[in-house]
Amino acid sequence: MRGRATLALIMIVLACHEDEKTMAPTGPGVLDVILTTPNDDDGAILLTVDGAVDSVQGAPYVVFSSVSATGTRVVVTGNVVAGVITRLYVPDISTADQYVPQLVEVAQRSTYALRSPTSYRLELKAER
């Protein structure tokens, strides 16, 4: 009888432990904004993100941002290439799928000519 009780207790503990592994993290976190671009001479990107953002970090680029309760506008400048272009610090990383980045404008580096944003793509990835 005692063996069955011990086995049942072990099974319960293992089941609870497994649930902890698969739970999504909660609380403050960082979302990387990843750019896919067809060009190698972009100089400025204007993007917006709906949702509450605590702050924006731009390394290695110079970034200007305007954060409000409903969304964030971000300008990324420099020798902009594909990859992570900025980081968003959000109050609850478990709601990361609710943040949607929108590319508004893109400018060429040397002439500042505007480019169509339709051939560009932005995605968010939770930093681990």
C-alpha atoms as a PDB file:
ATOM      1  CA  MET A   1       0.000   0.000   0.000  1.00  0.00           C
ATOM      2  CA  ARG A   2       2.794   2.360   0.956  1.00  0.00           C
ATOM      3  CA  GLY A   3       4.545   1.700  -2.388  1.00  0.00           C
ATOM      4  CA  ARG A   4       1.439   2.700  -4.340  1.00  0.00           C
ATOM      5  CA  ALA A   5       1.067   5.926  -2.370  1.00  0.00           C
ATOM      6  CA  THR A   6       4.721   6.785  -2.984  1.00  0.00           C
ATOM      7  CA  LEU A   7       4.385   6.008  -6.683  1.00  0.00           C
ATOM      8  CA  ALA A   8       1.244   8.152  -6.930  1.00  0.00           C
ATOM      9  CA  LEU A   9       3.017  11.032  -5.174  1.00  0.00           C
ATOM     10  CA  ILE A  10       5.990  10.770  -7.542  1.00  0.00           C
ATOM     11  CA  MET A  11       3.654  10.790 -10.571  1.00  0.00           C
ATOM     12  CA  ILE A  12       1.879  13.915  -9.295  1.00  0.00           C
ATOM     13  CA  VAL A  13       5.154  15.738  -8.663  1.00  0.00           C
ATOM     14  CA  LEU A  14       6.449  14.823 -12.133  1.00  0.00           C
ATOM     15  CA  ALA A  15       3.203  15.949 -13.777  1.00  0.00           C
ATOM     16  CA  CYS A  16       3.334  19.301 -12.004  1.00  0.00           C
ATOM     17  CA  HIS A  17       7.007  19.728 -12.846  1.00  0.00           C
ATOM     18  CA  GLU A  18       6.321  19.056 -16.538  1.00  0.00           C
ATOM     19  CA  ASP A  19       3.606  21.766 -16.574  1.00  0.00           C
ATOM     20  CA  GLU A  20       6.106  24.297 -15.208  1.00  0.00           C
ATOM     21  CA  LYS A  21       8.486  23.605 -18.095  1.00  0.00           C
ATOM     22  CA  THR A  22       5.875  24.268 -20.781  1.00  0.00           C
ATOM     23  CA  MET A  23       4.378  27.421 -19.277  1.00  0.00           C
ATOM     24  CA  ALA A  24       5.140  30.636 -21.139  1.00  0.00           C
ATOM     25  CA  PRO A  25       7.187  33.183 -19.196  1.00  0.00           C
ATOM     26  CA  THR A  26       5.316  36.126 -17.720  1.00  0.00           C
ATOM     27  CA  GLY A  27       6.372  39.543 -16.505  1.00  0.00           C
ATOM     28  CA  PRO A  28       8.631  42.125 -18.145  1.00  0.00           C
ATOM     29  CA  GLY A  29      10.611  41.044 -21.183  1.00  0.00           C
ATOM     30  CA  VAL A  30      12.365  42.023 -24.381  1.00  0.00           C
ATOM     31  CA  LEU A  31      11.123  41.681 -27.963  1.00  0.00           C
ATOM     32  CA  ASP A  32      13.676  41.915 -30.780  1.00  0.00           C
ATOM     33  CA  VAL A  33      12.424  43.655 -33.925  1.00  0.00           C
ATOM     34  CA  ILE A  34      13.927  41.762 -36.866  1.00  0.00           C
ATOM     35  CA  LEU A  35      14.111  43.355 -40.326  1.00  0.00           C
ATOM     36  CA  THR A  36      14.197  41.519 -43.633  1.00  0.00           C
ATOM     37  CA  THR A  37      15.258  43.881 -46.420  1.00  0.00           C
ATOM     38  CA  PRO A  38      15.980  43.384 -50.134  1.00  0.00           C
ATOM     39  CA  ASN A  39      18.577  46.189 -50.040  1.00  0.00           C
ATOM     40  CA  ASP A  40      21.989  46.742 -48.502  1.00  0.00           C
ATOM     41  CA  ASP A  41      21.873  50.541 -48.444  1.00  0.00           C
ATOM     42  CA  ASP A  42      18.927  51.443 -46.213  1.00  0.00           C
ATOM     43  CA  GLY A  43      19.524  54.481 -44.016  1.00  0.00           C
ATOM     44  CA  ALA A  44      16.301  55.003 -42.072  1.00  0.00           C
ATOM     45  CA  ILE A  45      13.262  52.954 -41.086  1.00  0.00           C
ATOM     46  CA  LEU A  46      10.038  54.268 -39.530  1.00  0.00           C
ATOM     47  CA  LEU A  47       7.938  51.638 -37.800  1.00  0.00           C
ATOM     48  CA  THR A  48       5.043  51.505 -35.385  1.00  0.00           C
ATOM     49  CA  VAL A  49       4.071  48.898 -32.820  1.00  0.00           C
ATOM     50  CA  ASP A  50       0.615  48.732 -31.232  1.00  0.00           C
ATOM     51  CA  GLY A  51       0.478  47.982 -27.524  1.00  0.00           C
ATOM     52  CA  ALA A  52       2.173  49.132 -24.347  1.00  0.00           C
ATOM     53  CA  VAL A  53       5.960  49.386 -24.602  1.00  0.00           C
ATOM     54  CA  ASP A  54       8.037  50.474 -21.614  1.00  0.00           C
ATOM     55  CA  SER A  55      11.120  51.555 -23.568  1.00  0.00           C
ATOM     56  CA  VAL A  56      13.088  51.092 -26.785  1.00  0.00           C
ATOM     57  CA  GLN A  57      16.780  50.274 -27.258  1.00  0.00           C
ATOM     58  CA  GLY A  58      18.524  50.704 -30.594  1.00  0.00           C
ATOM     59  CA  ALA A  59      22.067  49.399 -30.389  1.00  0.00           C
ATOM     60  CA  PRO A  60      23.854  49.246 -32.776  1.00  0.00           C
ATOM     61  CA  TYR A  61      21.673  51.861 -34.476  1.00  0.00           C
ATOM     62  CA  VAL A  62      20.619  55.347 -33.485  1.00  0.00           C
ATOM     63  CA  VAL A  63      16.956  55.121 -32.519  1.00  0.00           C
ATOM     64  CA  PHE A  64      14.364  57.781 -31.820  1.00  0.00           C
ATOM     65  CA  SER A  65      11.084  56.685 -30.279  1.00  0.00           C
ATOM     66  CA  SER A  66       7.794  58.028 -29.048  1.00  0.00           C
ATOM     67  CA  VAL A  67       6.068  55.731 -26.554  1.00  0.00           C
ATOM     68  CA  SER A  68       2.421  56.084 -25.546  1.00  0.00           C
ATOM     69  CA  ALA A  69      -0.108  53.840 -23.823  1.00  0.00           C
ATOM     70  CA  THR A  70      -1.547  52.730 -27.168  1.00  0.00           C
ATOM     71  CA  GLY A  71       1.555  52.336 -29.308  1.00  0.00           C
ATOM     72  CA  THR A  72       5.105  53.251 -30.160  1.00  0.00           C
ATOM     73  CA  ARG A  73       6.683  55.003 -33.137  1.00  0.00           C
ATOM     74  CA  VAL A  74      10.329  54.168 -33.782  1.00  0.00           C
ATOM     75  CA  VAL A  75      12.833  55.662 -36.227  1.00  0.00           C
ATOM     76  CA  VAL A  76      15.964  53.571 -36.778  1.00  0.00           C
ATOM     77  CA  THR A  77      18.884  55.318 -38.525  1.00  0.00           C
ATOM     78  CA  GLY A  78      22.347  54.348 -39.697  1.00  0.00           C
ATOM     79  CA  ASN A  79      23.730  51.658 -41.960  1.00  0.00           C
ATOM     80  CA  VAL A  80      20.552  49.587 -41.560  1.00  0.00           C
ATOM     81  CA  VAL A  81      20.887  45.959 -42.625  1.00  0.00           C
ATOM     82  CA  ALA A  82      18.825  42.808 -42.161  1.00  0.00           C
ATOM     83  CA  GLY A  83      18.624  41.436 -38.625  1.00  0.00           C
ATOM     84  CA  VAL A  84      17.724  42.881 -35.228  1.00  0.00           C
ATOM     85  CA  ILE A  85      17.236  46.630 -35.621  1.00  0.00           C
ATOM     86  CA  THR A  86      15.790  47.521 -32.216  1.00  0.00           C
ATOM     87  CA  ARG A  87      14.589  45.996 -28.952  1.00  0.00           C
ATOM     88  CA  LEU A  88      11.271  46.674 -27.251  1.00  0.00           C
ATOM     89  CA  TYR A  89      10.994  46.327 -23.493  1.00  0.00           C
ATOM     90  CA  VAL A  90       7.426  45.277 -22.714  1.00  0.00           C
ATOM     91  CA  PRO A  91       5.575  44.994 -19.385  1.00  0.00           C
ATOM     92  CA  ASP A  92       4.382  41.404 -19.956  1.00  0.00           C
ATOM     93  CA  ILE A  93       6.251  39.081 -22.308  1.00  0.00           C
ATOM     94  CA  SER A  94       3.393  36.552 -22.209  1.00  0.00           C
ATOM     95  CA  THR A  95       1.382  38.915 -24.456  1.00  0.00           C
ATOM     96  CA  ALA A  96       4.150  39.096 -27.104  1.00  0.00           C
ATOM     97  CA  ASP A  97       1.868  37.705 -29.812  1.00  0.00           C
ATOM     98  CA  GLN A  98      -0.386  40.773 -29.465  1.00  0.00           C
ATOM     99  CA  TYR A  99       2.372  43.145 -30.596  1.00  0.00           C
ATOM    100  CA  VAL A 100       2.385  43.731 -34.343  1.00  0.00           C
ATOM    101  CA  PRO A 101       5.130  45.831 -35.934  1.00  0.00           C
ATOM    102  CA  GLN A 102       4.167  47.876 -39.005  1.00  0.00           C
ATOM    103  CA  LEU A 103       6.745  49.267 -41.413  1.00  0.00           C
ATOM    104  CA  VAL A 104       5.671  52.795 -42.365  1.00  0.00           C
ATOM    105  CA  GLU A 105       8.572  54.244 -44.378  1.00  0.00           C
ATOM    106  CA  VAL A 106      12.067  53.354 -45.555  1.00  0.00           C
ATOM    107  CA  ALA A 107      14.732  55.727 -46.905  1.00  0.00           C
ATOM    108  CA  GLN A 108      17.866  54.987 -48.911  1.00  0.00           C
ATOM    109  CA  ARG A 109      21.055  55.878 -47.046  1.00  0.00           C
ATOM    110  CA  SER A 110      22.847  58.344 -49.338  1.00  0.00           C
ATOM    111  CA  THR A 111      19.987  60.004 -51.244  1.00  0.00           C
ATOM    112  CA  TYR A 112      17.244  59.725 -48.592  1.00  0.00           C
ATOM    113  CA  ALA A 113      14.903  58.616 -51.384  1.00  0.00           C
ATOM    114  CA  LEU A 114      11.804  56.896 -50.025  1.00  0.00           C
ATOM    115  CA  ARG A 115      11.353  53.246 -50.874  1.00  0.00           C
ATOM    116  CA  SER A 116       8.235  51.162 -51.000  1.00  0.00           C
ATOM    117  CA  PRO A 117       7.925  49.200 -47.752  1.00  0.00           C
ATOM    118  CA  THR A 118       6.062  46.338 -49.464  1.00  0.00           C
ATOM    119  CA  SER A 119       9.249  44.343 -50.128  1.00  0.00           C
ATOM    120  CA  TYR A 120      10.356  44.579 -46.482  1.00  0.00           C
ATOM    121  CA  ARG A 121       9.273  42.467 -43.532  1.00  0.00           C
ATOM    122  CA  LEU A 122       9.333  42.977 -39.771  1.00  0.00           C
ATOM    123  CA  GLU A 123       8.903  40.293 -37.141  1.00  0.00           C
ATOM    124  CA  LEU A 124       9.125  40.185 -33.385  1.00  0.00           C
ATOM    125  CA  LYS A 125      10.971  37.544 -31.438  1.00  0.00           C
ATOM    126  CA  ALA A 126      11.031  37.202 -27.668  1.00  0.00           C
ATOM    127  CA  GLU A 127      14.580  37.375 -26.408  1.00  0.00           C
ATOM    128  CA  ARG A 128      15.534  34.267 -24.433  1.00  0.00           C
END
